[in-house]
């Protein structure tokens, strides 16, 4: 059986994160969505995604394909239902396609002519950017149970104070010393070669992915995921960092999502609650307007390669695109298009030639090459986001 993750109609609602990746590369919980499917299926998957992303994320087609909407997360019931499909049948949840079995692969999930069956229960799924952090607790718990079942944690140093130690799991090479770990409200998972420095206060759920670091005195709580090779300090609440990003100093990050290769300057803060306690509206690329999230707490969404200078302040419900640089005092507006340079006093275009210089240096520091494939993707993003830049 050949498995394919396709980008469904949810893809545009998940911008700016899906400007630079298929939906299945979004991380929530411990694993990204592709990694979850591969773990449950015990097989590799490929992608049916946007043409400009397909060089980095290629599609493999066979005579018998199970095609899965990358916005849905796997569980045992979903896996069983997908494997029960015959050629020409589709699995649905209400009016959304979970997956289908076919000789063809439809990149936009067009299932016209396929026989439809309803799953019968609500699976875990994402549809909007704010779902990434708001559903992170549920995804983290499911990943923790799946990854640690029947396994034993590496020893935890006695210098730490532990609450509910049975819900704390360290992979090989993970380190934590002289910290407080409280797993009462959610599990705490430390991936391979991750490290929590001295004096940190951790209240689960927490996923600290492989090679990630929480620096001295970090205060993390509220179903937070720190992706691979990321560095974090200060106060972080109910946030998801995809990987290779840094919030390495004091400051508050709450109800937020950061893509890859982001950097938050020292003493930067985001608001996650309006002064009048009203529900938060947030920019939606699909409708090109601010949409109601239905959430009272909603902070910052920042696309790949974007950065902020020290003491940056972000309003409640701010969306920053790809490769933007925020660096002047005051609150920038709550929608900043991709490849923007500036802040509250105004913006100019951040030309790819300059942006790529910074990306190359940052990636080389982590042992990753900024190559022509990456440049082509970002050049394409620069072109398709011009309409939102009026400078």
Protein backbone atom coordinates (compact mmCIF):
# COMPACT_ATOMS: atom_id res chain seq x y z
CA UNK A 1 0.00 0.00 0.00
CA UNK A 2 1.23 3.50 -0.89
CA UNK A 3 0.37 6.38 1.44
CA UNK A 4 0.13 10.04 0.46
CA UNK A 5 -0.61 13.10 2.59
CA UNK A 6 -2.43 15.75 0.58
CA UNK A 7 -3.06 19.43 1.27
CA UNK A 8 -6.82 19.86 1.56
CA UNK A 9 -8.81 23.10 1.58
CA UNK A 10 -7.57 23.78 5.12
CA UNK A 11 -4.17 24.66 3.68
CA UNK A 12 -4.99 28.35 3.06
CA UNK A 13 -6.39 28.75 6.58
CA UNK A 14 -3.03 27.51 7.92
CA UNK A 15 -0.91 30.17 6.22
CA UNK A 16 1.71 31.58 6.87
CA UNK A 17 3.00 28.20 8.07
CA UNK A 18 1.98 26.40 4.88
CA UNK A 19 3.73 28.94 2.65
CA UNK A 20 6.91 26.91 3.27
CA UNK A 21 5.67 23.38 4.03
CA UNK A 22 2.84 20.95 3.36
CA UNK A 23 0.15 20.77 6.03
CA UNK A 24 1.59 17.43 7.18
CA UNK A 25 4.84 19.10 8.26
CA UNK A 26 3.06 21.15 10.94
CA UNK A 27 4.12 20.15 14.44
CA UNK A 28 1.76 19.80 17.37
CA UNK A 29 2.15 17.49 20.31
CA UNK A 30 5.56 15.81 20.15
CA UNK A 31 5.69 14.79 16.48
CA UNK A 32 4.72 16.63 13.34
CA UNK A 33 1.65 15.29 11.53
CA UNK A 34 3.64 13.26 8.97
CA UNK A 35 5.69 11.63 11.72
CA UNK A 36 2.48 10.66 13.51
CA UNK A 37 1.04 8.98 10.41
CA UNK A 38 4.29 7.17 9.66
CA UNK A 39 4.47 5.90 13.25
CA UNK A 40 0.88 4.61 13.20
CA UNK A 41 1.09 3.17 9.68
CA UNK A 42 4.62 1.79 10.11
CA UNK A 43 5.31 3.10 6.62
CA UNK A 44 6.70 6.15 4.88
CA UNK A 45 4.40 8.71 3.28
CA UNK A 46 4.92 11.23 0.49
CA UNK A 47 3.17 14.52 -0.27
CA UNK A 48 0.67 15.87 -2.74
CA UNK A 49 1.27 19.55 -2.14
CA UNK A 50 1.72 22.87 -3.94
CA UNK A 51 3.81 22.65 -7.11
CA UNK A 52 6.49 25.02 -5.81
CA UNK A 53 6.97 22.84 -2.71
CA UNK A 54 7.07 19.53 -4.56
CA UNK A 55 10.84 19.52 -5.24
CA UNK A 56 11.51 19.49 -1.49
CA UNK A 57 8.43 17.37 -0.70
CA UNK A 58 7.99 14.98 -3.69
CA UNK A 59 4.98 12.84 -4.51
CA UNK A 60 5.20 9.06 -5.01
CA UNK A 61 2.26 7.35 -6.74
CA UNK A 62 1.53 3.62 -7.03
CA UNK A 63 -1.36 1.56 -8.41
CA UNK A 64 -3.05 1.47 -5.01
CA UNK A 65 -2.91 4.64 -2.93
CA UNK A 66 -4.47 5.66 0.36
CA UNK A 67 -4.49 9.44 0.28
CA UNK A 68 -4.88 11.19 3.63
CA UNK A 69 -5.79 14.79 4.39
CA UNK A 70 -2.74 16.20 6.22
CA UNK A 71 -4.98 18.29 8.49
CA UNK A 72 -6.21 15.14 10.30
CA UNK A 73 -4.26 13.36 13.01
CA UNK A 74 -4.23 9.55 13.23
CA UNK A 75 -5.77 7.33 15.85
CA UNK A 76 -6.54 3.58 15.86
CA UNK A 77 -10.13 4.05 14.67
CA UNK A 78 -9.12 6.30 11.77
CA UNK A 79 -6.38 3.86 10.71
CA UNK A 80 -8.82 0.94 10.79
CA UNK A 81 -11.42 2.87 8.77
CA UNK A 82 -8.87 3.92 6.13
CA UNK A 83 -7.61 0.37 5.71
CA UNK A 84 -11.22 -0.77 5.30
CA UNK A 85 -11.70 1.39 2.21
CA UNK A 86 -11.96 -0.19 -1.22
CA UNK A 87 -10.80 1.40 -4.45
CA UNK A 88 -13.00 4.40 -5.25
CA UNK A 89 -14.16 4.98 -1.65
CA UNK A 90 -13.59 7.99 0.61
CA UNK A 91 -13.68 8.41 4.38
CA UNK A 92 -15.40 11.57 5.60
CA UNK A 93 -15.94 13.55 8.77
CA UNK A 94 -19.07 15.65 8.16
CA UNK A 95 -18.23 17.51 4.92
CA UNK A 96 -14.44 17.16 5.22
CA UNK A 97 -12.38 14.48 3.49
CA UNK A 98 -10.20 12.43 5.84
CA UNK A 99 -8.87 10.16 3.13
CA UNK A 100 -9.64 8.06 0.06
CA UNK A 101 -8.35 5.00 -1.78
CA UNK A 102 -7.66 5.40 -5.46
CA UNK A 103 -5.29 4.77 -8.35
CA UNK A 104 -5.20 8.53 -8.78
CA UNK A 105 -3.97 11.25 -6.41
CA UNK A 106 -5.94 14.48 -6.38
CA UNK A 107 -3.72 17.29 -5.11
CA UNK A 108 -6.60 19.38 -3.81
CA UNK A 109 -8.52 16.45 -2.40
CA UNK A 110 -11.21 16.50 -5.11
CA UNK A 111 -13.20 13.32 -4.52
CA UNK A 112 -15.96 13.75 -7.10
CA UNK A 113 -17.27 10.34 -8.10
CA UNK A 114 -15.99 8.47 -5.04
CA UNK A 115 -18.33 6.60 -2.72
CA UNK A 116 -18.36 8.32 0.68
CA UNK A 117 -18.47 6.86 4.19
CA UNK A 118 -18.65 8.81 7.45
CA UNK A 119 -16.12 8.03 10.18
CA UNK A 120 -18.74 8.16 12.95
CA UNK A 121 -16.62 9.97 15.54
CA UNK A 122 -14.73 13.25 15.65
CA UNK A 123 -10.99 12.78 15.03
CA UNK A 124 -8.34 15.25 16.14
CA UNK A 125 -7.85 17.77 13.36
CA UNK A 126 -6.61 21.26 12.63
CA UNK A 127 -8.36 23.78 10.44
CA UNK A 128 -6.98 27.17 11.50
CA UNK A 129 -3.61 28.41 12.75
CA UNK A 130 -4.91 28.84 16.29
CA UNK A 131 -5.86 25.16 16.43
CA UNK A 132 -2.14 24.38 16.57
CA UNK A 133 -1.74 25.69 20.11
CA UNK A 134 -5.32 25.25 21.31
CA UNK A 135 -5.30 21.51 20.48
CA UNK A 136 -1.68 20.96 21.45
CA UNK A 137 -2.53 19.52 24.86
CA UNK A 138 -4.68 16.75 23.37
CA UNK A 139 -2.09 15.96 20.68
CA UNK A 140 0.76 15.96 23.20
CA UNK A 141 -1.03 13.52 25.48
CA UNK A 142 -1.79 11.16 22.57
CA UNK A 143 1.81 11.28 21.32
CA UNK A 144 3.18 10.69 24.82
CA UNK A 145 1.03 7.61 25.33
CA UNK A 146 1.91 6.24 21.88
CA UNK A 147 5.66 6.83 22.10
CA UNK A 148 6.20 5.68 25.69
CA UNK A 149 3.86 2.67 25.85
CA UNK A 150 5.76 -0.35 27.16
CA UNK A 151 8.97 1.64 27.52
CA UNK A 152 10.92 2.89 30.53
CA UNK A 153 12.25 6.41 30.92
CA UNK A 154 15.95 7.08 31.27
CA UNK A 155 16.86 7.83 34.91
CA UNK A 156 15.98 11.33 36.14
CA UNK A 157 18.59 13.07 38.26
CA UNK A 158 17.81 13.25 41.98
CA UNK A 159 18.71 16.94 41.98
CA UNK A 160 15.23 17.63 40.56
CA UNK A 161 11.89 17.91 42.35
CA UNK A 162 9.26 15.75 40.60
CA UNK A 163 5.47 15.69 40.83
CA UNK A 164 3.75 12.74 39.09
CA UNK A 165 7.08 11.24 37.95
CA UNK A 166 5.24 8.39 36.21
CA UNK A 167 4.18 10.96 33.57
CA UNK A 168 7.72 12.22 32.97
CA UNK A 169 9.78 10.51 30.25
CA UNK A 170 13.38 11.10 29.21
CA UNK A 171 14.80 9.71 25.99
CA UNK A 172 18.45 8.72 25.62
CA UNK A 173 20.82 11.64 26.21
CA UNK A 174 18.17 13.93 27.74
CA UNK A 175 19.37 15.95 30.73
CA UNK A 176 17.70 17.98 33.48
CA UNK A 177 19.22 19.20 36.73
CA UNK A 178 18.03 21.24 39.74
CA UNK A 179 14.60 21.97 38.25
CA UNK A 180 10.96 21.43 39.24
CA UNK A 181 8.92 19.18 36.93
CA UNK A 182 5.19 18.95 37.63
CA UNK A 183 3.26 16.56 35.37
CA UNK A 184 -0.06 16.87 37.20
CA UNK A 185 -1.83 18.66 34.35
CA UNK A 186 -0.05 16.94 31.47
CA UNK A 187 2.90 14.70 30.59
CA UNK A 188 6.48 15.94 30.28
CA UNK A 189 8.56 14.47 27.45
CA UNK A 190 12.25 15.16 26.89
CA UNK A 191 13.50 14.02 23.49
CA UNK A 192 16.94 12.64 22.63
CA UNK A 193 19.83 14.90 23.67
CA UNK A 194 17.49 17.65 24.87
CA UNK A 195 18.39 19.57 27.99
CA UNK A 196 16.73 21.63 30.72
CA UNK A 197 19.20 23.88 32.47
CA UNK A 198 19.26 24.58 36.20
CA UNK A 199 16.51 26.50 37.97
CA UNK A 200 13.74 25.86 35.44
CA UNK A 201 10.09 25.53 36.44
CA UNK A 202 8.14 23.14 34.22
CA UNK A 203 4.42 22.44 34.51
CA UNK A 204 3.22 19.91 31.93
CA UNK A 205 2.26 19.23 29.34
CA UNK A 206 5.61 19.80 27.74
CA UNK A 207 7.30 18.31 24.71
CA UNK A 208 10.97 19.23 24.50
CA UNK A 209 11.99 17.65 21.20
CA UNK A 210 15.40 16.26 20.30
CA UNK A 211 18.41 18.56 20.73
CA UNK A 212 16.22 21.37 22.10
CA UNK A 213 17.25 23.41 25.15
CA UNK A 214 15.45 25.26 27.92
CA UNK A 215 17.94 27.72 29.37
CA UNK A 216 18.42 28.64 33.03
CA UNK A 217 15.32 29.76 34.86
CA UNK A 218 12.86 28.92 32.08
CA UNK A 219 9.18 28.95 33.11
CA UNK A 220 7.07 26.78 30.82
CA UNK A 221 3.50 25.63 31.27
CA UNK A 222 0.21 25.03 29.52
CA UNK A 223 0.75 22.33 26.85
CA UNK A 224 3.87 23.71 25.20
CA UNK A 225 5.99 22.14 22.45
CA UNK A 226 9.59 23.17 21.82
CA UNK A 227 10.63 21.70 18.48
CA UNK A 228 13.99 20.15 17.56
CA UNK A 229 17.15 22.25 17.90
CA UNK A 230 15.25 25.18 19.43
CA UNK A 231 16.37 27.27 22.40
CA UNK A 232 13.97 28.80 24.90
CA UNK A 233 14.08 30.87 28.06
CA UNK A 234 11.76 33.25 29.92
CA UNK A 235 8.04 32.56 30.28
CA UNK A 236 6.27 30.39 27.71
CA UNK A 237 2.63 29.34 27.95
CA UNK A 238 0.61 27.03 25.66
CA UNK A 239 2.81 27.65 22.63
CA UNK A 240 4.25 25.58 19.77
CA UNK A 241 7.66 26.15 18.21
CA UNK A 242 8.19 24.01 15.10
CA UNK A 243 11.98 23.74 15.30
CA UNK A 244 15.36 25.47 14.82
CA UNK A 245 13.99 28.65 16.41
CA UNK A 246 15.13 30.71 19.37
CA UNK A 247 13.45 32.58 22.17
CA UNK A 248 16.61 32.52 24.21
CA UNK A 249 16.02 35.30 26.74
CA UNK A 250 13.45 36.75 29.14
CA UNK A 251 10.06 37.84 27.88
CA UNK A 252 6.59 36.31 27.52
CA UNK A 253 5.34 34.08 24.70
CA UNK A 254 1.79 32.82 25.16
CA UNK A 255 -0.85 31.06 23.03
CA UNK A 256 1.55 31.38 20.13
CA UNK A 257 3.02 29.45 17.20
CA UNK A 258 6.49 30.02 15.75
CA UNK A 259 7.67 28.37 12.55
CA UNK A 260 11.25 27.31 11.85
CA UNK A 261 14.32 29.58 11.89
CA UNK A 262 12.58 32.30 13.90
CA UNK A 263 14.27 34.44 16.53
CA UNK A 264 12.54 36.42 19.28
CA UNK A 265 14.73 39.19 20.69
CA UNK A 266 15.47 39.59 24.40
CA UNK A 267 12.66 41.00 26.58
CA UNK A 268 10.11 40.72 23.77
CA UNK A 269 6.51 40.01 24.76
CA UNK A 270 3.25 39.15 23.10
CA UNK A 271 -0.18 39.98 24.44
CA UNK A 272 -2.61 37.05 24.47
CA UNK A 273 -5.61 38.72 26.10
CA UNK A 274 -7.48 41.88 25.08
CA UNK A 275 -8.00 44.60 27.69
CA UNK A 276 -11.78 44.25 27.36
CA UNK A 277 -11.57 40.41 27.54
CA UNK A 278 -13.32 40.12 24.16
CA UNK A 279 -12.79 37.16 21.85
CA UNK A 280 -9.76 37.61 19.59
CA UNK A 281 -9.94 38.24 15.86
CA UNK A 282 -6.97 37.18 13.70
CA UNK A 283 -5.92 37.65 10.08
CA UNK A 284 -6.95 34.77 7.80
CA UNK A 285 -5.17 34.50 4.45
CA UNK A 286 -7.98 32.43 2.93
CA UNK A 287 -10.61 35.16 3.38
CA UNK A 288 -8.11 38.06 3.38
CA UNK A 289 -9.71 39.59 6.44
CA UNK A 290 -9.67 39.34 10.22
CA UNK A 291 -11.75 36.39 11.39
CA UNK A 292 -13.17 35.54 14.80
CA UNK A 293 -11.14 32.80 16.48
CA UNK A 294 -13.69 32.18 19.22
CA UNK A 295 -10.78 32.27 21.69
CA UNK A 296 -10.26 34.67 24.58
CA UNK A 297 -6.55 33.85 24.69
CA UNK A 298 -4.70 34.10 21.38
CA UNK A 299 -1.21 35.50 20.89
CA UNK A 300 1.35 35.47 18.05
CA UNK A 301 1.63 33.53 14.78
CA UNK A 302 5.06 33.90 13.14
CA UNK A 303 6.09 32.31 9.83
CA UNK A 304 9.48 30.77 9.04
CA UNK A 305 12.65 32.91 9.08
CA UNK A 306 10.95 35.88 10.78
CA UNK A 307 12.64 37.73 13.61
CA UNK A 308 12.11 40.46 16.17
CA UNK A 309 14.59 42.79 17.84
CA UNK A 310 14.95 43.25 21.60
CA UNK A 311 11.97 44.71 23.49
CA UNK A 312 9.50 44.04 20.68
CA UNK A 313 5.84 44.16 21.68
CA UNK A 314 3.20 42.17 19.81
CA UNK A 315 -0.52 42.87 20.10
CA UNK A 316 -3.09 40.18 20.83
CA UNK A 317 -3.74 38.07 17.75
CA UNK A 318 -0.77 39.18 15.64
CA UNK A 319 0.16 37.37 12.41
CA UNK A 320 3.69 37.77 11.03
CA UNK A 321 4.44 36.30 7.61
CA UNK A 322 7.57 34.57 6.31
CA UNK A 323 10.99 36.27 6.41
CA UNK A 324 9.91 39.46 8.14
CA UNK A 325 12.08 41.50 10.47
CA UNK A 326 10.44 43.54 13.25
CA UNK A 327 12.86 45.94 14.89
CA UNK A 328 11.49 49.35 15.92
CA UNK A 329 9.78 50.44 19.19
CA UNK A 330 6.02 50.24 19.69
CA UNK A 331 3.41 47.71 18.66
CA UNK A 332 3.57 46.73 14.99
CA UNK A 333 0.21 46.23 13.33
CA UNK A 334 -1.41 42.86 13.92
CA UNK A 335 -0.91 41.63 10.36
CA UNK A 336 2.59 41.94 8.90
CA UNK A 337 2.99 40.50 5.37
CA UNK A 338 5.89 38.27 4.41
CA UNK A 339 9.23 39.89 3.54
CA UNK A 340 8.52 43.05 5.55
CA UNK A 341 11.19 45.10 7.34
CA UNK A 342 10.28 47.61 10.04
CA UNK A 343 7.66 48.03 12.74
CA UNK A 344 5.19 50.47 14.28
CA UNK A 345 6.63 53.44 12.38
CA UNK A 346 6.27 51.72 9.01
CA UNK A 347 7.62 48.97 6.77
CA UNK A 348 9.68 48.49 3.65
CA UNK A 349 10.16 45.34 1.58
CA UNK A 350 12.80 42.91 2.83
CA UNK A 351 14.36 41.85 -0.47
CA UNK A 352 15.17 38.13 -0.85
CA UNK A 353 18.85 38.80 -1.57
CA UNK A 354 19.25 40.37 1.88
CA UNK A 355 16.93 37.91 3.62
CA UNK A 356 18.84 34.95 2.22
CA UNK A 357 22.14 36.25 3.61
CA UNK A 358 20.70 36.10 7.12
CA UNK A 359 19.04 32.72 6.52
CA UNK A 360 22.29 31.20 5.26
CA UNK A 361 24.24 32.30 8.34
CA UNK A 362 21.54 31.19 10.79
CA UNK A 363 21.13 27.78 9.19
CA UNK A 364 24.87 27.15 8.95
CA UNK A 365 25.14 27.72 12.71
CA UNK A 366 22.87 24.67 13.15
CA UNK A 367 24.67 22.58 10.54
CA UNK A 368 21.94 22.96 7.88
CA UNK A 369 22.62 24.14 4.33
CA UNK A 370 20.63 26.97 2.78
CA UNK A 371 20.45 25.58 -0.74
CA UNK A 372 18.85 26.41 -4.05
CA UNK A 373 15.70 24.44 -3.18
CA UNK A 374 15.13 26.62 -0.09
CA UNK A 375 15.87 29.77 -2.06
CA UNK A 376 13.39 28.83 -4.81
CA UNK A 377 10.62 28.24 -2.26
CA UNK A 378 11.23 31.57 -0.53
CA UNK A 379 11.50 33.44 -3.83
CA UNK A 380 8.10 32.03 -4.77
CA UNK A 381 6.66 33.13 -1.42
CA UNK A 382 8.06 36.62 -2.02
CA UNK A 383 6.24 36.81 -5.36
CA UNK A 384 2.86 35.44 -4.23
CA UNK A 385 2.74 37.71 -1.16
CA UNK A 386 3.40 40.97 -3.01
CA UNK A 387 -0.28 41.86 -3.00
CA UNK A 388 -0.24 42.30 0.77
CA UNK A 389 2.80 44.61 0.74
CA UNK A 390 1.93 48.20 -0.21
CA UNK A 391 5.52 49.40 0.12
